[in-house]
Amino acid sequence: MTGAQTAAQAMVAATARLRAAGVDDPARDARLLLAHAARIEASRVTLIAPEELSPDIAERYDQLISLRAIRVPVSHLLGERAFYGRRFRVSRDVLDPRPETEALIEAALSEPFDHVLDLGVGSGCILITLLAERISASGIGVDLSEAACLQASANAVQHEVQGRVEIRASDWFASVDGLFDLIVANPPYISLTEMDELSPEVREHEPRLALTDENDGLDAYRRIAADAPDFLTPGGRILVEIGPTQAADVSALFDATGLSDIRVIPDLDGRDRVVGARMPG
């Protein structure tokens, strides 16, 4: 991308580079990254399409496209990802917020709650969204990763819920006290044998700790199911995101620890996505 190019020409060239690199939606990514390089909203890219790119924008764009071509995720290049109508700061220290997780948000918001615990808080997208939607609620988010705790804390400030949230480092429930009427989690559920099937964007650029238990993908659910009853109020709910083949196994784990009202909730694509259960009253 050298010499004077219009924005449109630069996007065409960038799209070709990304397509050759095996990127799924090269035209979309080329557009988003041009907007980022030019520091404009993506909706305004069409307006600058006939204009020549300044050397500094062209250089920034070239660097971004080069990184995307080696499969660095767009969200990491932009530094943020949209989730449930809000934008969350992300990095390679946390799992990218994903649209499928919005099924967990919808399930959580279907009933009232006052005090929520998010196990494996990551970017904070689940906990912060729930607190932003329920302004009377408070919550605790825990994560084994100190870097994730810092990212979640920053997002809490950005979305102005920091006065109602506490983020702390903890190995699941180890540093948690008190009772909650809602526990949520999106734990590492990819089995070790499935890791090689992931896209390079996920496998090489997202934290392995948040992706896999290095086993069968169920270790986190075993620990969560074993301890959750000690931290739920009578009638309190637990909602966990799952892989699409894990509904029966996770439901059985919850049933074995005395939780009731177990149900499986699909995502918008119809795949099993969330298992919910309740502490008997």
C-alpha atoms as a PDB file:
ATOM      1  CA  MET A   1       0.000   0.000   0.000  1.00  0.00           C
ATOM      2  CA  THR A   2       2.542   2.558  -1.162  1.00  0.00           C
ATOM      3  CA  GLY A   3       2.075   5.716  -3.213  1.00  0.00           C
ATOM      4  CA  ALA A   4      -1.006   7.901  -3.251  1.00  0.00           C
ATOM      5  CA  GLN A   5      -4.079   5.713  -3.117  1.00  0.00           C
ATOM      6  CA  THR A   6      -7.661   6.640  -2.573  1.00  0.00           C
ATOM      7  CA  ALA A   7      -9.404   5.102   0.381  1.00  0.00           C
ATOM      8  CA  ALA A   8     -11.413   2.929  -1.992  1.00  0.00           C
ATOM      9  CA  GLN A   9      -8.270   1.632  -3.729  1.00  0.00           C
ATOM     10  CA  ALA A  10      -6.620   0.926  -0.392  1.00  0.00           C
ATOM     11  CA  MET A  11      -9.655  -1.049   0.767  1.00  0.00           C
ATOM     12  CA  VAL A  12      -9.689  -3.131  -2.421  1.00  0.00           C
ATOM     13  CA  ALA A  13      -6.003  -3.980  -1.993  1.00  0.00           C
ATOM     14  CA  ALA A  14      -6.462  -4.715   1.697  1.00  0.00           C
ATOM     15  CA  THR A  15      -9.431  -6.969   1.018  1.00  0.00           C
ATOM     16  CA  ALA A  16      -7.357  -8.976  -1.451  1.00  0.00           C
ATOM     17  CA  ARG A  17      -4.533  -9.372   1.085  1.00  0.00           C
ATOM     18  CA  LEU A  18      -6.902 -10.549   3.788  1.00  0.00           C
ATOM     19  CA  ARG A  19      -8.712 -12.935   1.451  1.00  0.00           C
ATOM     20  CA  ALA A  20      -5.371 -14.484   0.463  1.00  0.00           C
ATOM     21  CA  ALA A  21      -4.561 -14.885   4.162  1.00  0.00           C
ATOM     22  CA  GLY A  22      -7.760 -16.878   4.721  1.00  0.00           C
ATOM     23  CA  VAL A  23      -9.666 -14.243   6.705  1.00  0.00           C
ATOM     24  CA  ASP A  24     -13.387 -15.059   6.806  1.00  0.00           C
ATOM     25  CA  ASP A  25     -14.936 -11.695   5.921  1.00  0.00           C
ATOM     26  CA  PRO A  26     -12.084  -9.703   4.373  1.00  0.00           C
ATOM     27  CA  ALA A  27     -14.160  -6.805   3.011  1.00  0.00           C
ATOM     28  CA  ARG A  28     -15.782  -6.125   6.390  1.00  0.00           C
ATOM     29  CA  ASP A  29     -12.452  -6.237   8.208  1.00  0.00           C
ATOM     30  CA  ALA A  30     -10.774  -4.008   5.602  1.00  0.00           C
ATOM     31  CA  ARG A  31     -13.528  -1.439   6.109  1.00  0.00           C
ATOM     32  CA  LEU A  32     -13.433  -1.535   9.921  1.00  0.00           C
ATOM     33  CA  LEU A  33      -9.653  -1.228  10.013  1.00  0.00           C
ATOM     34  CA  LEU A  34      -9.626   1.667   7.556  1.00  0.00           C
ATOM     35  CA  ALA A  35     -12.099   3.505   9.773  1.00  0.00           C
ATOM     36  CA  HIS A  36      -9.851   2.819  12.753  1.00  0.00           C
ATOM     37  CA  ALA A  37      -6.737   4.003  10.887  1.00  0.00           C
ATOM     38  CA  ALA A  38      -8.527   7.169   9.790  1.00  0.00           C
ATOM     39  CA  ARG A  39     -10.062   7.625  13.262  1.00  0.00           C
ATOM     40  CA  ILE A  40     -13.597   7.880  11.921  1.00  0.00           C
ATOM     41  CA  GLU A  41     -16.790   5.905  12.422  1.00  0.00           C
ATOM     42  CA  ALA A  42     -17.112   2.902  10.094  1.00  0.00           C
ATOM     43  CA  SER A  43     -20.309   4.406   8.695  1.00  0.00           C
ATOM     44  CA  ARG A  44     -18.263   7.306   7.295  1.00  0.00           C
ATOM     45  CA  VAL A  45     -15.842   5.212   5.248  1.00  0.00           C
ATOM     46  CA  THR A  46     -18.004   5.612   2.135  1.00  0.00           C
ATOM     47  CA  LEU A  47     -17.674   9.380   2.425  1.00  0.00           C
ATOM     48  CA  ILE A  48     -13.863   9.284   2.283  1.00  0.00           C
ATOM     49  CA  ALA A  49     -13.696   6.542  -0.379  1.00  0.00           C
ATOM     50  CA  PRO A  50     -12.811   8.953  -3.261  1.00  0.00           C
ATOM     51  CA  GLU A  51     -10.189  10.816  -1.224  1.00  0.00           C
ATOM     52  CA  GLU A  52      -6.465  10.089  -1.232  1.00  0.00           C
ATOM     53  CA  LEU A  53      -5.199   8.694   2.033  1.00  0.00           C
ATOM     54  CA  SER A  54      -2.685  10.817   3.856  1.00  0.00           C
ATOM     55  CA  PRO A  55       0.705   9.126   4.398  1.00  0.00           C
ATOM     56  CA  ASP A  56       0.149   8.671   8.142  1.00  0.00           C
ATOM     57  CA  ILE A  57      -3.274   7.036   7.660  1.00  0.00           C
ATOM     58  CA  ALA A  58      -1.920   4.851   4.842  1.00  0.00           C
ATOM     59  CA  GLU A  59       0.945   3.691   7.072  1.00  0.00           C
ATOM     60  CA  ARG A  60      -1.368   2.968  10.011  1.00  0.00           C
ATOM     61  CA  TYR A  61      -3.705   1.067   7.705  1.00  0.00           C
ATOM     62  CA  ASP A  62      -0.885  -0.993   6.248  1.00  0.00           C
ATOM     63  CA  GLN A  63       0.255  -1.995   9.740  1.00  0.00           C
ATOM     64  CA  LEU A  64      -3.265  -2.966  10.768  1.00  0.00           C
ATOM     65  CA  ILE A  65      -3.835  -5.035   7.632  1.00  0.00           C
ATOM     66  CA  SER A  66      -0.464  -6.759   8.086  1.00  0.00           C
ATOM     67  CA  LEU A  67      -1.446  -7.767  11.623  1.00  0.00           C
ATOM     68  CA  ARG A  68      -4.898  -8.910  10.548  1.00  0.00           C
ATOM     69  CA  ALA A  69      -3.295 -10.983   7.777  1.00  0.00           C
ATOM     70  CA  ILE A  70      -1.425 -12.986  10.445  1.00  0.00           C
ATOM     71  CA  ARG A  71      -4.822 -13.469  12.115  1.00  0.00           C
ATOM     72  CA  VAL A  72      -4.637 -11.019  14.982  1.00  0.00           C
ATOM     73  CA  PRO A  73      -8.340 -10.520  15.835  1.00  0.00           C
ATOM     74  CA  VAL A  74     -10.009  -7.301  14.706  1.00  0.00           C
ATOM     75  CA  SER A  75     -11.158  -6.668  18.277  1.00  0.00           C
ATOM     76  CA  HIS A  76      -7.544  -6.664  19.481  1.00  0.00           C
ATOM     77  CA  LEU A  77      -6.566  -4.208  16.741  1.00  0.00           C
ATOM     78  CA  LEU A  78      -9.491  -1.940  17.588  1.00  0.00           C
ATOM     79  CA  GLY A  79      -9.062  -2.504  21.326  1.00  0.00           C
ATOM     80  CA  GLU A  80     -12.771  -3.092  21.857  1.00  0.00           C
ATOM     81  CA  ARG A  81     -15.719  -5.342  21.096  1.00  0.00           C
ATOM     82  CA  ALA A  82     -19.474  -4.706  21.082  1.00  0.00           C
ATOM     83  CA  PHE A  83     -21.649  -6.718  23.475  1.00  0.00           C
ATOM     84  CA  TYR A  84     -25.325  -6.247  24.308  1.00  0.00           C
ATOM     85  CA  GLY A  85     -25.341  -2.705  22.963  1.00  0.00           C
ATOM     86  CA  ARG A  86     -22.190  -1.560  24.771  1.00  0.00           C
ATOM     87  CA  ARG A  87     -18.524  -1.485  23.826  1.00  0.00           C
ATOM     88  CA  PHE A  88     -16.000  -3.259  26.035  1.00  0.00           C
ATOM     89  CA  ARG A  89     -12.257  -2.804  26.040  1.00  0.00           C
ATOM     90  CA  VAL A  90     -10.510  -6.077  25.237  1.00  0.00           C
ATOM     91  CA  SER A  91      -6.972  -7.405  24.876  1.00  0.00           C
ATOM     92  CA  ARG A  92      -5.248 -10.741  24.533  1.00  0.00           C
ATOM     93  CA  ASP A  93      -5.580 -11.093  28.341  1.00  0.00           C
ATOM     94  CA  VAL A  94      -9.332 -11.746  28.163  1.00  0.00           C
ATOM     95  CA  LEU A  95     -11.796 -13.766  26.131  1.00  0.00           C
ATOM     96  CA  ASP A  96     -13.527 -11.746  23.437  1.00  0.00           C
ATOM     97  CA  PRO A  97     -17.201 -11.068  24.245  1.00  0.00           C
ATOM     98  CA  ARG A  98     -19.328 -13.118  21.862  1.00  0.00           C
ATOM     99  CA  PRO A  99     -22.888 -12.688  20.610  1.00  0.00           C
ATOM    100  CA  GLU A 100     -23.850 -16.180  21.820  1.00  0.00           C
ATOM    101  CA  THR A 101     -23.232 -15.108  25.415  1.00  0.00           C
ATOM    102  CA  GLU A 102     -26.113 -12.648  25.117  1.00  0.00           C
ATOM    103  CA  ALA A 103     -28.386 -15.681  25.627  1.00  0.00           C
ATOM    104  CA  LEU A 104     -27.044 -15.851  29.188  1.00  0.00           C
ATOM    105  CA  ILE A 105     -27.741 -12.132  29.673  1.00  0.00           C
ATOM    106  CA  GLU A 106     -31.336 -12.520  28.485  1.00  0.00           C
ATOM    107  CA  ALA A 107     -31.884 -15.470  30.818  1.00  0.00           C
ATOM    108  CA  ALA A 108     -30.421 -13.584  33.773  1.00  0.00           C
ATOM    109  CA  LEU A 109     -32.570 -10.517  33.131  1.00  0.00           C
ATOM    110  CA  SER A 110     -35.753 -12.589  32.897  1.00  0.00           C
ATOM    111  CA  GLU A 111     -36.060 -12.529  36.705  1.00  0.00           C
ATOM    112  CA  PRO A 112     -35.102 -10.003  39.400  1.00  0.00           C
ATOM    113  CA  PHE A 113     -31.754 -10.221  41.202  1.00  0.00           C
ATOM    114  CA  ASP A 114     -29.945  -8.080  43.758  1.00  0.00           C
ATOM    115  CA  HIS A 115     -26.519  -9.618  44.286  1.00  0.00           C
ATOM    116  CA  VAL A 116     -24.661 -11.382  41.478  1.00  0.00           C
ATOM    117  CA  LEU A 117     -21.409 -13.355  41.355  1.00  0.00           C
ATOM    118  CA  ASP A 118     -19.543 -13.734  38.057  1.00  0.00           C
ATOM    119  CA  LEU A 119     -17.062 -16.624  38.092  1.00  0.00           C
ATOM    120  CA  GLY A 120     -14.246 -16.046  35.588  1.00  0.00           C
ATOM    121  CA  VAL A 121     -15.132 -12.422  34.995  1.00  0.00           C
ATOM    122  CA  GLY A 122     -12.691 -11.850  32.098  1.00  0.00           C
ATOM    123  CA  SER A 123     -13.456  -8.548  30.369  1.00  0.00           C
ATOM    124  CA  GLY A 124     -16.381  -8.049  32.730  1.00  0.00           C
ATOM    125  CA  CYS A 125     -18.882  -8.002  29.879  1.00  0.00           C
ATOM    126  CA  ILE A 126     -21.403 -10.293  31.615  1.00  0.00           C
ATOM    127  CA  LEU A 127     -21.274  -8.780  35.106  1.00  0.00           C
ATOM    128  CA  ILE A 128     -21.061  -5.170  33.943  1.00  0.00           C
ATOM    129  CA  THR A 129     -23.926  -5.628  31.485  1.00  0.00           C
ATOM    130  CA  LEU A 130     -26.121  -7.113  34.199  1.00  0.00           C
ATOM    131  CA  LEU A 131     -25.348  -4.266  36.605  1.00  0.00           C
ATOM    132  CA  ALA A 132     -25.863  -1.653  33.901  1.00  0.00           C
ATOM    133  CA  GLU A 133     -29.268  -3.165  33.102  1.00  0.00           C
ATOM    134  CA  ARG A 134     -30.267  -3.531  36.778  1.00  0.00           C
ATOM    135  CA  ILE A 135     -29.253  -0.321  38.478  1.00  0.00           C
ATOM    136  CA  SER A 136     -30.282  -1.527  41.956  1.00  0.00           C
ATOM    137  CA  ALA A 137     -28.063  -4.621  41.826  1.00  0.00           C
ATOM    138  CA  SER A 138     -24.480  -5.103  43.019  1.00  0.00           C
ATOM    139  CA  GLY A 139     -21.964  -7.795  42.250  1.00  0.00           C
ATOM    140  CA  ILE A 140     -18.606  -9.481  42.613  1.00  0.00           C
ATOM    141  CA  GLY A 141     -16.468 -10.692  39.736  1.00  0.00           C
ATOM    142  CA  VAL A 142     -13.577 -13.101  40.231  1.00  0.00           C
ATOM    143  CA  ASP A 143     -10.874 -14.375  37.922  1.00  0.00           C
ATOM    144  CA  LEU A 144      -7.681 -16.366  38.335  1.00  0.00           C
ATOM    145  CA  SER A 145      -5.946 -13.896  36.001  1.00  0.00           C
ATOM    146  CA  GLU A 146      -4.777 -10.616  37.540  1.00  0.00           C
ATOM    147  CA  ALA A 147      -4.637  -9.088  34.052  1.00  0.00           C
ATOM    148  CA  ALA A 148      -8.278 -10.003  33.486  1.00  0.00           C
ATOM    149  CA  CYS A 149      -9.213  -8.415  36.815  1.00  0.00           C
ATOM    150  CA  LEU A 150      -7.560  -5.168  35.714  1.00  0.00           C
ATOM    151  CA  GLN A 151      -9.400  -5.262  32.377  1.00  0.00           C
ATOM    152  CA  ALA A 152     -12.749  -5.895  34.075  1.00  0.00           C
ATOM    153  CA  SER A 153     -12.105  -3.077  36.546  1.00  0.00           C
ATOM    154  CA  ALA A 154     -11.360  -0.657  33.697  1.00  0.00           C
ATOM    155  CA  ASN A 155     -14.559  -1.664  31.910  1.00  0.00           C
ATOM    156  CA  ALA A 156     -16.534  -1.202  35.119  1.00  0.00           C
ATOM    157  CA  VAL A 157     -15.291   2.388  35.315  1.00  0.00           C
ATOM    158  CA  GLN A 158     -16.020   2.980  31.625  1.00  0.00           C
ATOM    159  CA  HIS A 159     -19.628   1.869  32.100  1.00  0.00           C
ATOM    160  CA  GLU A 160     -19.999   3.662  35.447  1.00  0.00           C
ATOM    161  CA  VAL A 161     -20.843   0.662  37.615  1.00  0.00           C
ATOM    162  CA  GLN A 162     -17.623   0.691  39.650  1.00  0.00           C
ATOM    163  CA  GLY A 163     -19.499   1.748  42.799  1.00  0.00           C
ATOM    164  CA  ARG A 164     -21.593  -1.422  42.706  1.00  0.00           C
ATOM    165  CA  VAL A 165     -18.974  -3.977  41.745  1.00  0.00           C
ATOM    166  CA  GLU A 166     -15.960  -5.600  43.349  1.00  0.00           C
ATOM    167  CA  ILE A 167     -13.375  -7.380  41.207  1.00  0.00           C
ATOM    168  CA  ARG A 168     -10.987  -9.748  42.936  1.00  0.00           C
ATOM    169  CA  ALA A 169      -8.508 -12.462  42.032  1.00  0.00           C
ATOM    170  CA  SER A 170      -9.799 -15.891  43.003  1.00  0.00           C
ATOM    171  CA  ASP A 171      -9.620 -19.519  41.909  1.00  0.00           C
ATOM    172  CA  TRP A 172     -13.371 -19.930  41.407  1.00  0.00           C
ATOM    173  CA  PHE A 173     -15.009 -19.676  44.871  1.00  0.00           C
ATOM    174  CA  ALA A 174     -11.745 -19.721  46.873  1.00  0.00           C
ATOM    175  CA  SER A 175     -11.792 -16.003  47.793  1.00  0.00           C
ATOM    176  CA  VAL A 176     -15.567 -15.538  47.697  1.00  0.00           C
ATOM    177  CA  ASP A 177     -17.797 -15.047  50.716  1.00  0.00           C
ATOM    178  CA  GLY A 178     -21.479 -14.284  51.171  1.00  0.00           C
ATOM    179  CA  LEU A 179     -24.635 -15.422  49.421  1.00  0.00           C
ATOM    180  CA  PHE A 180     -25.909 -14.496  45.966  1.00  0.00           C
ATOM    181  CA  ASP A 181     -29.303 -14.691  44.328  1.00  0.00           C
ATOM    182  CA  LEU A 182     -27.598 -15.048  40.943  1.00  0.00           C
ATOM    183  CA  ILE A 183     -24.351 -16.780  39.945  1.00  0.00           C
ATOM    184  CA  VAL A 184     -23.179 -16.569  36.327  1.00  0.00           C
ATOM    185  CA  ALA A 185     -20.171 -18.050  34.544  1.00  0.00           C
ATOM    186  CA  ASN A 186     -18.721 -18.565  31.096  1.00  0.00           C
ATOM    187  CA  PRO A 187     -15.991 -21.020  32.050  1.00  0.00           C
ATOM    188  CA  PRO A 188     -13.366 -22.694  29.833  1.00  0.00           C
ATOM    189  CA  TYR A 189     -15.354 -25.460  28.148  1.00  0.00           C
ATOM    190  CA  ILE A 190     -13.305 -26.442  25.102  1.00  0.00           C
ATOM    191  CA  SER A 191     -11.755 -29.885  25.475  1.00  0.00           C
ATOM    192  CA  LEU A 192      -8.080 -30.389  24.795  1.00  0.00           C
ATOM    193  CA  THR A 193      -8.893 -32.487  21.725  1.00  0.00           C
ATOM    194  CA  GLU A 194     -10.986 -29.628  20.280  1.00  0.00           C
ATOM    195  CA  MET A 195      -8.314 -26.943  20.605  1.00  0.00           C
ATOM    196  CA  ASP A 196      -6.721 -27.677  17.226  1.00  0.00           C
ATOM    197  CA  GLU A 197     -10.090 -27.117  15.534  1.00  0.00           C
ATOM    198  CA  LEU A 198     -10.288 -23.480  16.665  1.00  0.00           C
ATOM    199  CA  SER A 199      -9.519 -20.624  14.293  1.00  0.00           C
ATOM    200  CA  PRO A 200      -6.028 -19.071  14.559  1.00  0.00           C
ATOM    201  CA  GLU A 201      -7.664 -15.877  15.886  1.00  0.00           C
ATOM    202  CA  VAL A 202      -8.977 -17.761  18.906  1.00  0.00           C
ATOM    203  CA  ARG A 203      -6.323 -20.442  19.395  1.00  0.00           C
ATOM    204  CA  GLU A 204      -3.299 -18.149  19.114  1.00  0.00           C
ATOM    205  CA  HIS A 205      -4.575 -14.817  20.409  1.00  0.00           C
ATOM    206  CA  GLU A 206      -7.065 -15.460  23.210  1.00  0.00           C
ATOM    207  CA  PRO A 207      -6.001 -16.619  26.691  1.00  0.00           C
ATOM    208  CA  ARG A 208      -5.719 -20.402  26.773  1.00  0.00           C
ATOM    209  CA  LEU A 209      -6.755 -20.379  30.443  1.00  0.00           C
ATOM    210  CA  ALA A 210     -10.171 -19.013  29.396  1.00  0.00           C
ATOM    211  CA  LEU A 211     -10.617 -21.518  26.564  1.00  0.00           C
ATOM    212  CA  THR A 212      -9.749 -24.989  27.834  1.00  0.00           C
ATOM    213  CA  ASP A 213      -9.300 -26.965  31.036  1.00  0.00           C
ATOM    214  CA  GLU A 214      -6.666 -29.067  29.209  1.00  0.00           C
ATOM    215  CA  ASN A 215      -9.003 -32.022  29.800  1.00  0.00           C
ATOM    216  CA  ASP A 216     -12.537 -32.931  28.714  1.00  0.00           C
ATOM    217  CA  GLY A 217     -13.997 -29.422  28.944  1.00  0.00           C
ATOM    218  CA  LEU A 218     -16.062 -30.197  32.054  1.00  0.00           C
ATOM    219  CA  ASP A 219     -13.616 -29.598  34.919  1.00  0.00           C
ATOM    220  CA  ALA A 220     -14.852 -26.055  35.607  1.00  0.00           C
ATOM    221  CA  TYR A 221     -18.478 -27.219  35.755  1.00  0.00           C
ATOM    222  CA  ARG A 222     -17.530 -29.953  38.233  1.00  0.00           C
ATOM    223  CA  ARG A 223     -15.987 -27.381  40.567  1.00  0.00           C
ATOM    224  CA  ILE A 224     -18.762 -24.843  40.099  1.00  0.00           C
ATOM    225  CA  ALA A 225     -21.521 -27.411  40.650  1.00  0.00           C
ATOM    226  CA  ALA A 226     -19.846 -28.771  43.781  1.00  0.00           C
ATOM    227  CA  ASP A 227     -19.542 -25.392  45.502  1.00  0.00           C
ATOM    228  CA  ALA A 228     -22.393 -23.276  44.131  1.00  0.00           C
ATOM    229  CA  PRO A 229     -25.034 -24.497  46.631  1.00  0.00           C
ATOM    230  CA  ASP A 230     -22.969 -23.010  49.476  1.00  0.00           C
ATOM    231  CA  PHE A 231     -23.151 -19.549  47.881  1.00  0.00           C
ATOM    232  CA  LEU A 232     -26.750 -19.394  46.628  1.00  0.00           C
ATOM    233  CA  THR A 233     -29.687 -17.977  48.538  1.00  0.00           C
ATOM    234  CA  PRO A 234     -32.804 -20.166  48.748  1.00  0.00           C
ATOM    235  CA  GLY A 235     -34.407 -19.843  45.331  1.00  0.00           C
ATOM    236  CA  GLY A 236     -31.214 -18.296  43.938  1.00  0.00           C
ATOM    237  CA  ARG A 237     -30.261 -19.059  40.344  1.00  0.00           C
ATOM    238  CA  ILE A 238     -27.111 -20.209  38.574  1.00  0.00           C
ATOM    239  CA  LEU A 239     -26.598 -19.728  34.832  1.00  0.00           C
ATOM    240  CA  VAL A 240     -23.557 -21.059  32.975  1.00  0.00           C
ATOM    241  CA  GLU A 241     -22.623 -20.886  29.323  1.00  0.00           C
ATOM    242  CA  ILE A 242     -21.785 -24.245  27.770  1.00  0.00           C
ATOM    243  CA  GLY A 243     -20.465 -25.737  24.570  1.00  0.00           C
ATOM    244  CA  PRO A 244     -23.276 -26.964  22.314  1.00  0.00           C
ATOM    245  CA  THR A 245     -22.728 -30.657  23.158  1.00  0.00           C
ATOM    246  CA  GLN A 246     -22.435 -30.299  26.943  1.00  0.00           C
ATOM    247  CA  ALA A 247     -26.038 -29.710  28.066  1.00  0.00           C
ATOM    248  CA  ALA A 248     -26.687 -33.226  29.352  1.00  0.00           C
ATOM    249  CA  ASP A 249     -23.372 -33.505  31.228  1.00  0.00           C
ATOM    250  CA  VAL A 250     -23.653 -30.108  32.907  1.00  0.00           C
ATOM    251  CA  SER A 251     -27.321 -30.676  33.773  1.00  0.00           C
ATOM    252  CA  ALA A 252     -26.370 -33.968  35.422  1.00  0.00           C
ATOM    253  CA  LEU A 253     -23.641 -32.266  37.473  1.00  0.00           C
ATOM    254  CA  PHE A 254     -26.114 -29.670  38.745  1.00  0.00           C
ATOM    255  CA  ASP A 255     -28.710 -32.338  39.517  1.00  0.00           C
ATOM    256  CA  ALA A 256     -26.167 -34.393  41.482  1.00  0.00           C
ATOM    257  CA  THR A 257     -25.433 -31.475  43.827  1.00  0.00           C
ATOM    258  CA  GLY A 258     -29.089 -30.911  44.686  1.00  0.00           C
ATOM    259  CA  LEU A 259     -29.890 -27.996  42.399  1.00  0.00           C
ATOM    260  CA  SER A 260     -33.395 -27.994  40.942  1.00  0.00           C
ATOM    261  CA  ASP A 261     -35.410 -26.472  38.086  1.00  0.00           C
ATOM    262  CA  ILE A 262     -32.642 -27.375  35.638  1.00  0.00           C
ATOM    263  CA  ARG A 263     -33.191 -26.118  32.110  1.00  0.00           C
ATOM    264  CA  VAL A 264     -31.247 -25.746  28.881  1.00  0.00           C
ATOM    265  CA  ILE A 265     -31.492 -22.463  26.953  1.00  0.00           C
ATOM    266  CA  PRO A 266     -30.580 -22.188  23.260  1.00  0.00           C
ATOM    267  CA  ASP A 267     -28.823 -19.283  21.558  1.00  0.00           C
ATOM    268  CA  LEU A 268     -30.218 -17.464  18.528  1.00  0.00           C
ATOM    269  CA  ASP A 269     -28.812 -20.170  16.243  1.00  0.00           C
ATOM    270  CA  GLY A 270     -30.777 -22.830  18.130  1.00  0.00           C
ATOM    271  CA  ARG A 271     -27.735 -24.457  19.715  1.00  0.00           C
ATOM    272  CA  ASP A 272     -27.694 -25.372  23.404  1.00  0.00           C
ATOM    273  CA  ARG A 273     -25.899 -22.431  25.021  1.00  0.00           C
ATOM    274  CA  VAL A 274     -26.852 -21.977  28.691  1.00  0.00           C
ATOM    275  CA  VAL A 275     -27.728 -24.345  31.536  1.00  0.00           C
ATOM    276  CA  GLY A 276     -29.721 -22.806  34.345  1.00  0.00           C
ATOM    277  CA  ALA A 277     -30.626 -24.201  37.756  1.00  0.00           C
ATOM    278  CA  ARG A 278     -32.032 -23.025  41.075  1.00  0.00           C
ATOM    279  CA  MET A 279     -31.261 -23.541  44.745  1.00  0.00           C
ATOM    280  CA  PRO A 280     -34.269 -25.199  46.316  1.00  0.00           C
ATOM    281  CA  GLY A 281     -36.175 -22.880  48.612  1.00  0.00           C
END
